[in-house]
Amino acid sequence: MDHLTMLDVSPPELVVIAAKAGFDCVGLRVSAAGPEEKPWPMKQGSPMLEETLRLLKDTGIRVLDVEVLRIGPETTLDDYEHILETGALLGARYLTVNSDDPDLERASETFAVLSSNARSYGLRPLIEPIPYTRVSNLKDAIHIARRSGGGGILLDCLHFQRYGGDLGMLRALDPQLFSYLQLCDAPLSPPTGLPRPQRLPRGQSTDGTDLQLESRALRLLPGEGELPLREILESLPPEMPVSVEAPNMELRKTLTPVEFARRAWQAVDELLHQGLDVG
């Protein structure tokens, strides 16, 4: 279960909730995704990190990825070394990366340096194409990942639909470029005219586009919308890890965190067992 699904829940709480709901891994947000967002105190030496490590050991839950690193025109190791340190302590496999750099070639160079630096921490950086970031489609993400010397791509089903992703492109690509898949559901058509909530978890901005608000707070659980989830799954390696990233503010109002997590796990489990051999 990715942290955005329940970003109001602290990392140690998420570990316990995930274990109770039946998940075997979590993704943890150890660095804020934007300037308005309040980060969880997860740097090396923090009490929250120590508590998270203890609970990971007690529950057997593993950390699939840590997030989010946003790379820009002047990003250097000093900007993200603390994220690498935290990710290594947590035993994470991947680091989620978004790009704010308008220069694709410069972003590629930054990502390649990051991939090299992350290797000694046991982390593989993954560039995530998102329609409202500078790497806004799969083609640009492939360009960056192929030139990185070891980095990969994170595929999110909602973003794939919103930037007009091509299933044929998925099937034709080297499977080694993809590391894991984030599952959720949504209507096929992008939303318009969404009312703005007074607040979002951890102070995320409510002033963005409808696509941003949908992504942060209005996703559906797998099977509750119209996205071609089975087709996407069938286009990717069957052994690829999958997670649920489906923040839904309205549903959260009616369920406890554990109830919501269990419903999310059941939704993913039902999808994966509809005639699919997916790990």
Protein backbone atom coordinates (compact mmCIF):
# COMPACT_ATOMS: atom_id res chain seq x y z
CA MET A 1 0.00 0.00 0.00
CA ASP A 2 1.45 3.32 -1.08
CA HIS A 3 1.47 6.14 1.44
CA LEU A 4 -0.60 8.57 -0.64
CA THR A 5 -3.57 6.23 -0.16
CA MET A 6 -3.60 7.30 3.51
CA LEU A 7 -1.18 10.22 3.74
CA ASP A 8 -2.75 11.50 6.96
CA VAL A 9 -1.48 8.34 8.67
CA SER A 10 2.10 8.46 9.95
CA PRO A 11 4.70 5.98 8.61
CA PRO A 12 4.71 3.79 11.74
CA GLU A 13 0.91 3.76 11.83
CA LEU A 14 0.81 2.82 8.16
CA VAL A 15 3.02 -0.19 8.82
CA VAL A 16 0.64 -1.49 11.50
CA ILE A 17 -2.46 -0.80 9.40
CA ALA A 18 -0.95 -2.52 6.36
CA ALA A 19 -0.14 -5.60 8.42
CA LYS A 20 -3.68 -5.80 9.82
CA ALA A 21 -5.17 -5.41 6.34
CA GLY A 22 -3.12 -8.19 4.74
CA PHE A 23 -0.48 -6.26 2.80
CA ASP A 24 3.12 -7.45 2.77
CA CYS A 25 4.76 -4.14 1.76
CA VAL A 26 4.28 -0.40 2.11
CA GLY A 27 5.53 2.65 0.31
CA LEU A 28 6.56 5.43 2.69
CA ARG A 29 6.63 9.17 2.04
CA VAL A 30 9.83 10.28 3.74
CA SER A 31 10.10 13.60 1.91
CA ALA A 32 7.35 16.06 0.98
CA ALA A 33 6.10 16.05 -2.61
CA GLY A 34 5.67 19.83 -2.73
CA PRO A 35 6.53 23.03 -0.87
CA GLU A 36 3.10 23.26 0.80
CA GLU A 37 3.14 19.71 2.12
CA LYS A 38 4.24 19.09 5.69
CA PRO A 39 6.81 16.28 5.71
CA TRP A 40 6.79 13.43 8.19
CA PRO A 41 9.94 13.63 10.40
CA MET A 42 11.70 10.60 8.93
CA LYS A 43 15.34 11.67 8.68
CA GLN A 44 18.06 9.47 10.11
CA GLY A 45 18.05 9.63 13.91
CA SER A 46 14.43 10.77 14.27
CA PRO A 47 12.19 9.02 16.83
CA MET A 48 9.57 8.38 14.13
CA LEU A 49 12.07 6.58 11.92
CA GLU A 50 13.21 4.46 14.87
CA GLU A 51 9.61 3.56 15.68
CA THR A 52 8.95 2.67 12.04
CA LEU A 53 11.99 0.40 11.94
CA ARG A 54 10.86 -1.37 15.12
CA LEU A 55 7.36 -1.94 13.75
CA LEU A 56 8.68 -3.21 10.42
CA LYS A 57 10.63 -5.83 12.34
CA ASP A 58 7.69 -6.71 14.59
CA THR A 59 5.14 -7.04 11.77
CA GLY A 60 7.31 -8.45 8.99
CA ILE A 61 6.13 -5.70 6.64
CA ARG A 62 8.72 -4.63 4.06
CA VAL A 63 9.23 -1.25 2.39
CA LEU A 64 8.89 -1.36 -1.39
CA ASP A 65 9.67 2.30 -2.05
CA VAL A 66 10.35 5.66 -0.46
CA GLU A 67 9.18 8.95 -1.90
CA VAL A 68 9.29 11.67 -3.15
CA LEU A 69 12.39 13.19 -4.70
CA ARG A 70 11.67 16.08 -7.06
CA ILE A 71 14.59 16.83 -9.36
CA GLY A 72 15.11 20.28 -10.84
CA PRO A 73 17.73 22.21 -12.80
CA GLU A 74 20.13 22.48 -9.84
CA THR A 75 19.53 19.24 -7.95
CA THR A 76 22.67 17.68 -6.41
CA LEU A 77 23.50 14.91 -3.95
CA ASP A 78 23.23 17.37 -1.05
CA ASP A 79 19.52 17.80 -1.88
CA TYR A 80 18.65 14.12 -1.61
CA GLU A 81 21.32 12.25 0.35
CA HIS A 82 19.10 12.21 3.44
CA ILE A 83 16.39 10.46 1.40
CA LEU A 84 18.88 7.82 0.28
CA GLU A 85 20.02 7.33 3.88
CA THR A 86 16.47 6.90 5.13
CA GLY A 87 15.56 4.59 2.27
CA ALA A 88 18.56 2.39 2.97
CA LEU A 89 17.76 2.15 6.69
CA LEU A 90 14.19 1.14 5.84
CA GLY A 91 15.42 -1.54 3.42
CA ALA A 92 13.49 0.01 0.53
CA ARG A 93 14.02 -1.25 -3.01
CA TYR A 94 12.99 1.86 -4.94
CA LEU A 95 12.98 5.65 -4.77
CA THR A 96 10.16 7.49 -6.55
CA VAL A 97 11.29 10.51 -8.56
CA ASN A 98 9.30 13.36 -10.14
CA SER A 99 10.84 15.96 -12.43
CA ASP A 100 10.44 19.73 -12.32
CA ASP A 101 13.18 20.36 -14.90
CA PRO A 102 11.94 21.78 -18.23
CA ASP A 103 15.11 20.56 -19.96
CA LEU A 104 14.68 16.84 -20.69
CA GLU A 105 18.37 16.23 -21.39
CA ARG A 106 19.46 17.94 -18.19
CA ALA A 107 16.85 15.95 -16.27
CA SER A 108 18.28 12.79 -17.83
CA GLU A 109 21.76 13.71 -16.63
CA THR A 110 20.51 14.47 -13.12
CA PHE A 111 18.64 11.18 -12.98
CA ALA A 112 21.70 9.28 -14.18
CA VAL A 113 23.84 10.82 -11.42
CA LEU A 114 21.11 10.00 -8.91
CA SER A 115 20.99 6.40 -10.13
CA SER A 116 24.74 6.10 -9.65
CA ASN A 117 24.62 7.66 -6.18
CA ALA A 118 21.66 5.52 -5.10
CA ARG A 119 23.34 2.25 -6.03
CA SER A 120 25.52 2.15 -2.91
CA TYR A 121 22.38 2.59 -0.79
CA GLY A 122 20.67 -0.39 -2.42
CA LEU A 123 18.05 1.80 -4.06
CA ARG A 124 16.84 1.98 -7.65
CA PRO A 125 15.40 5.39 -8.59
CA LEU A 126 12.19 5.28 -10.65
CA ILE A 127 11.05 8.19 -12.77
CA GLU A 128 7.27 8.57 -12.64
CA PRO A 129 5.55 10.16 -15.64
CA ILE A 130 2.73 12.44 -14.44
CA PRO A 131 0.76 14.68 -16.83
CA TYR A 132 1.19 17.80 -14.68
CA THR A 133 4.97 17.43 -14.17
CA ARG A 134 7.79 18.06 -16.65
CA VAL A 135 8.08 14.34 -17.40
CA SER A 136 4.46 14.18 -18.44
CA ASN A 137 4.27 11.00 -20.50
CA LEU A 138 5.74 7.54 -20.90
CA LYS A 139 7.89 8.48 -23.89
CA ASP A 140 9.85 11.06 -21.86
CA ALA A 141 10.17 8.65 -18.93
CA ILE A 142 11.62 5.99 -21.24
CA HIS A 143 14.11 8.54 -22.61
CA ILE A 144 15.33 9.31 -19.07
CA ALA A 145 15.38 5.73 -17.77
CA ARG A 146 17.27 4.33 -20.76
CA ARG A 147 20.08 6.84 -20.27
CA SER A 148 20.38 6.43 -16.51
CA GLY A 149 22.62 3.38 -16.23
CA GLY A 150 20.27 1.51 -13.92
CA GLY A 151 17.22 3.61 -13.10
CA GLY A 152 13.72 2.56 -14.05
CA ILE A 153 10.11 3.65 -14.47
CA LEU A 154 7.18 3.65 -12.07
CA LEU A 155 3.84 3.26 -13.81
CA ASP A 156 0.68 4.67 -12.25
CA CYS A 157 -2.59 3.53 -13.85
CA LEU A 158 -4.36 6.85 -13.33
CA HIS A 159 -1.56 8.93 -14.83
CA PHE A 160 -1.19 6.43 -17.69
CA GLN A 161 -4.84 7.01 -18.61
CA ARG A 162 -4.68 10.78 -18.20
CA TYR A 163 -1.65 11.27 -20.47
CA GLY A 164 -3.11 8.95 -23.10
CA GLY A 165 -0.78 6.01 -22.53
CA ASP A 166 -0.37 3.45 -25.28
CA LEU A 167 -0.76 -0.21 -24.29
CA GLY A 168 1.17 -1.25 -27.38
CA MET A 169 4.13 0.77 -26.17
CA LEU A 170 4.03 -1.05 -22.85
CA ARG A 171 4.03 -4.45 -24.52
CA ALA A 172 6.96 -3.54 -26.79
CA LEU A 173 9.29 -2.19 -24.11
CA ASP A 174 12.12 -3.92 -22.34
CA PRO A 175 10.46 -5.25 -19.15
CA GLN A 176 13.60 -4.41 -17.18
CA LEU A 177 12.68 -0.73 -17.44
CA PHE A 178 9.59 -1.21 -15.26
CA SER A 179 9.87 -1.90 -11.55
CA TYR A 180 6.38 -1.76 -10.12
CA LEU A 181 2.82 -0.69 -10.85
CA GLN A 182 0.49 1.54 -8.83
CA LEU A 183 -3.16 0.49 -9.04
CA CYS A 184 -6.30 2.55 -8.61
CA ASP A 185 -9.42 3.22 -10.64
CA ALA A 186 -11.20 6.24 -12.08
CA PRO A 187 -13.63 7.30 -14.82
CA LEU A 188 -12.16 7.11 -18.31
CA SER A 189 -12.65 10.83 -18.93
CA PRO A 190 -10.67 13.37 -16.90
CA PRO A 191 -12.65 15.36 -14.34
CA THR A 192 -13.62 19.01 -14.79
CA GLY A 193 -14.92 21.65 -12.42
CA LEU A 194 -14.17 19.74 -9.22
CA PRO A 195 -15.11 21.58 -6.00
CA ARG A 196 -12.06 22.39 -3.92
CA PRO A 197 -11.90 20.86 -0.42
CA GLN A 198 -10.89 23.09 2.44
CA ARG A 199 -7.82 20.98 3.12
CA LEU A 200 -5.92 17.92 1.97
CA PRO A 201 -3.79 15.59 4.11
CA ARG A 202 -0.45 17.02 5.28
CA GLY A 203 -1.19 20.41 3.76
CA GLN A 204 -1.10 19.32 0.11
CA SER A 205 -2.14 22.16 -2.16
CA THR A 206 -5.80 22.46 -3.11
CA ASP A 207 -5.05 25.15 -5.71
CA GLY A 208 -3.86 22.90 -8.52
CA THR A 209 -5.66 21.55 -11.58
CA ASP A 210 -8.53 19.09 -11.55
CA LEU A 211 -6.05 16.37 -12.50
CA GLN A 212 -3.96 17.14 -9.43
CA LEU A 213 -6.95 17.11 -7.11
CA GLU A 214 -8.20 13.84 -8.59
CA SER A 215 -4.78 12.28 -8.11
CA ARG A 216 -4.40 13.44 -4.50
CA ALA A 217 -7.88 12.84 -3.13
CA LEU A 218 -10.48 11.45 -5.55
CA ARG A 219 -9.23 8.14 -6.87
CA LEU A 220 -11.35 4.99 -6.79
CA LEU A 221 -10.32 1.56 -5.59
CA PRO A 222 -9.52 -1.00 -8.30
CA GLY A 223 -12.69 -2.37 -9.86
CA GLU A 224 -14.83 0.64 -8.98
CA GLY A 225 -14.13 2.66 -12.14
CA GLU A 226 -13.49 2.35 -15.86
CA LEU A 227 -9.71 2.19 -16.26
CA PRO A 228 -8.39 -0.73 -18.38
CA LEU A 229 -6.62 -2.29 -15.40
CA ARG A 230 -6.60 -5.85 -16.70
CA GLU A 231 -5.19 -4.74 -20.04
CA ILE A 232 -2.43 -2.79 -18.30
CA LEU A 233 -1.58 -5.74 -16.06
CA GLU A 234 -1.48 -8.10 -19.02
CA SER A 235 0.93 -5.75 -20.81
CA LEU A 236 3.53 -5.90 -18.02
CA PRO A 237 5.76 -8.67 -16.62
CA PRO A 238 3.69 -11.08 -14.48
CA GLU A 239 6.23 -11.00 -11.65
CA MET A 240 6.05 -7.21 -11.24
CA PRO A 241 5.07 -6.00 -7.75
CA VAL A 242 1.83 -4.06 -7.58
CA SER A 243 0.60 -1.58 -5.01
CA VAL A 244 -2.59 0.33 -4.35
CA GLU A 245 -2.40 4.12 -4.54
CA ALA A 246 -5.99 5.22 -4.21
CA PRO A 247 -6.61 8.19 -1.92
CA ASN A 248 -10.36 8.73 -1.58
CA MET A 249 -11.37 11.42 0.90
CA GLU A 250 -15.09 10.66 0.77
CA LEU A 251 -14.70 6.94 1.43
CA ARG A 252 -12.21 7.61 4.20
CA LYS A 253 -14.88 9.62 6.04
CA THR A 254 -17.04 6.49 6.39
CA LEU A 255 -14.37 3.93 7.33
CA THR A 256 -11.66 3.57 9.94
CA PRO A 257 -8.09 3.44 8.58
CA VAL A 258 -7.93 -0.34 9.01
CA GLU A 259 -11.35 -0.82 7.37
CA PHE A 260 -10.31 1.31 4.43
CA ALA A 261 -7.00 -0.57 4.08
CA ARG A 262 -8.78 -3.93 4.16
CA ARG A 263 -11.18 -2.78 1.48
CA ALA A 264 -8.24 -1.62 -0.64
CA TRP A 265 -6.46 -4.95 -0.19
CA GLN A 266 -9.60 -6.88 -1.14
CA ALA A 267 -10.06 -4.76 -4.26
CA VAL A 268 -6.51 -5.44 -5.44
CA ASP A 269 -6.75 -9.14 -4.54
CA GLU A 270 -9.96 -9.54 -6.53
CA LEU A 271 -8.41 -7.83 -9.55
CA LEU A 272 -5.28 -9.95 -9.46
CA HIS A 273 -7.23 -13.19 -9.28
CA GLN A 274 -9.47 -12.52 -12.26
CA GLY A 275 -7.65 -15.06 -14.38
CA LEU A 276 -4.30 -13.29 -14.01
CA ASP A 277 -1.00 -14.71 -12.86
CA VAL A 278 0.39 -11.50 -11.36
CA GLY A 279 2.83 -11.26 -8.44
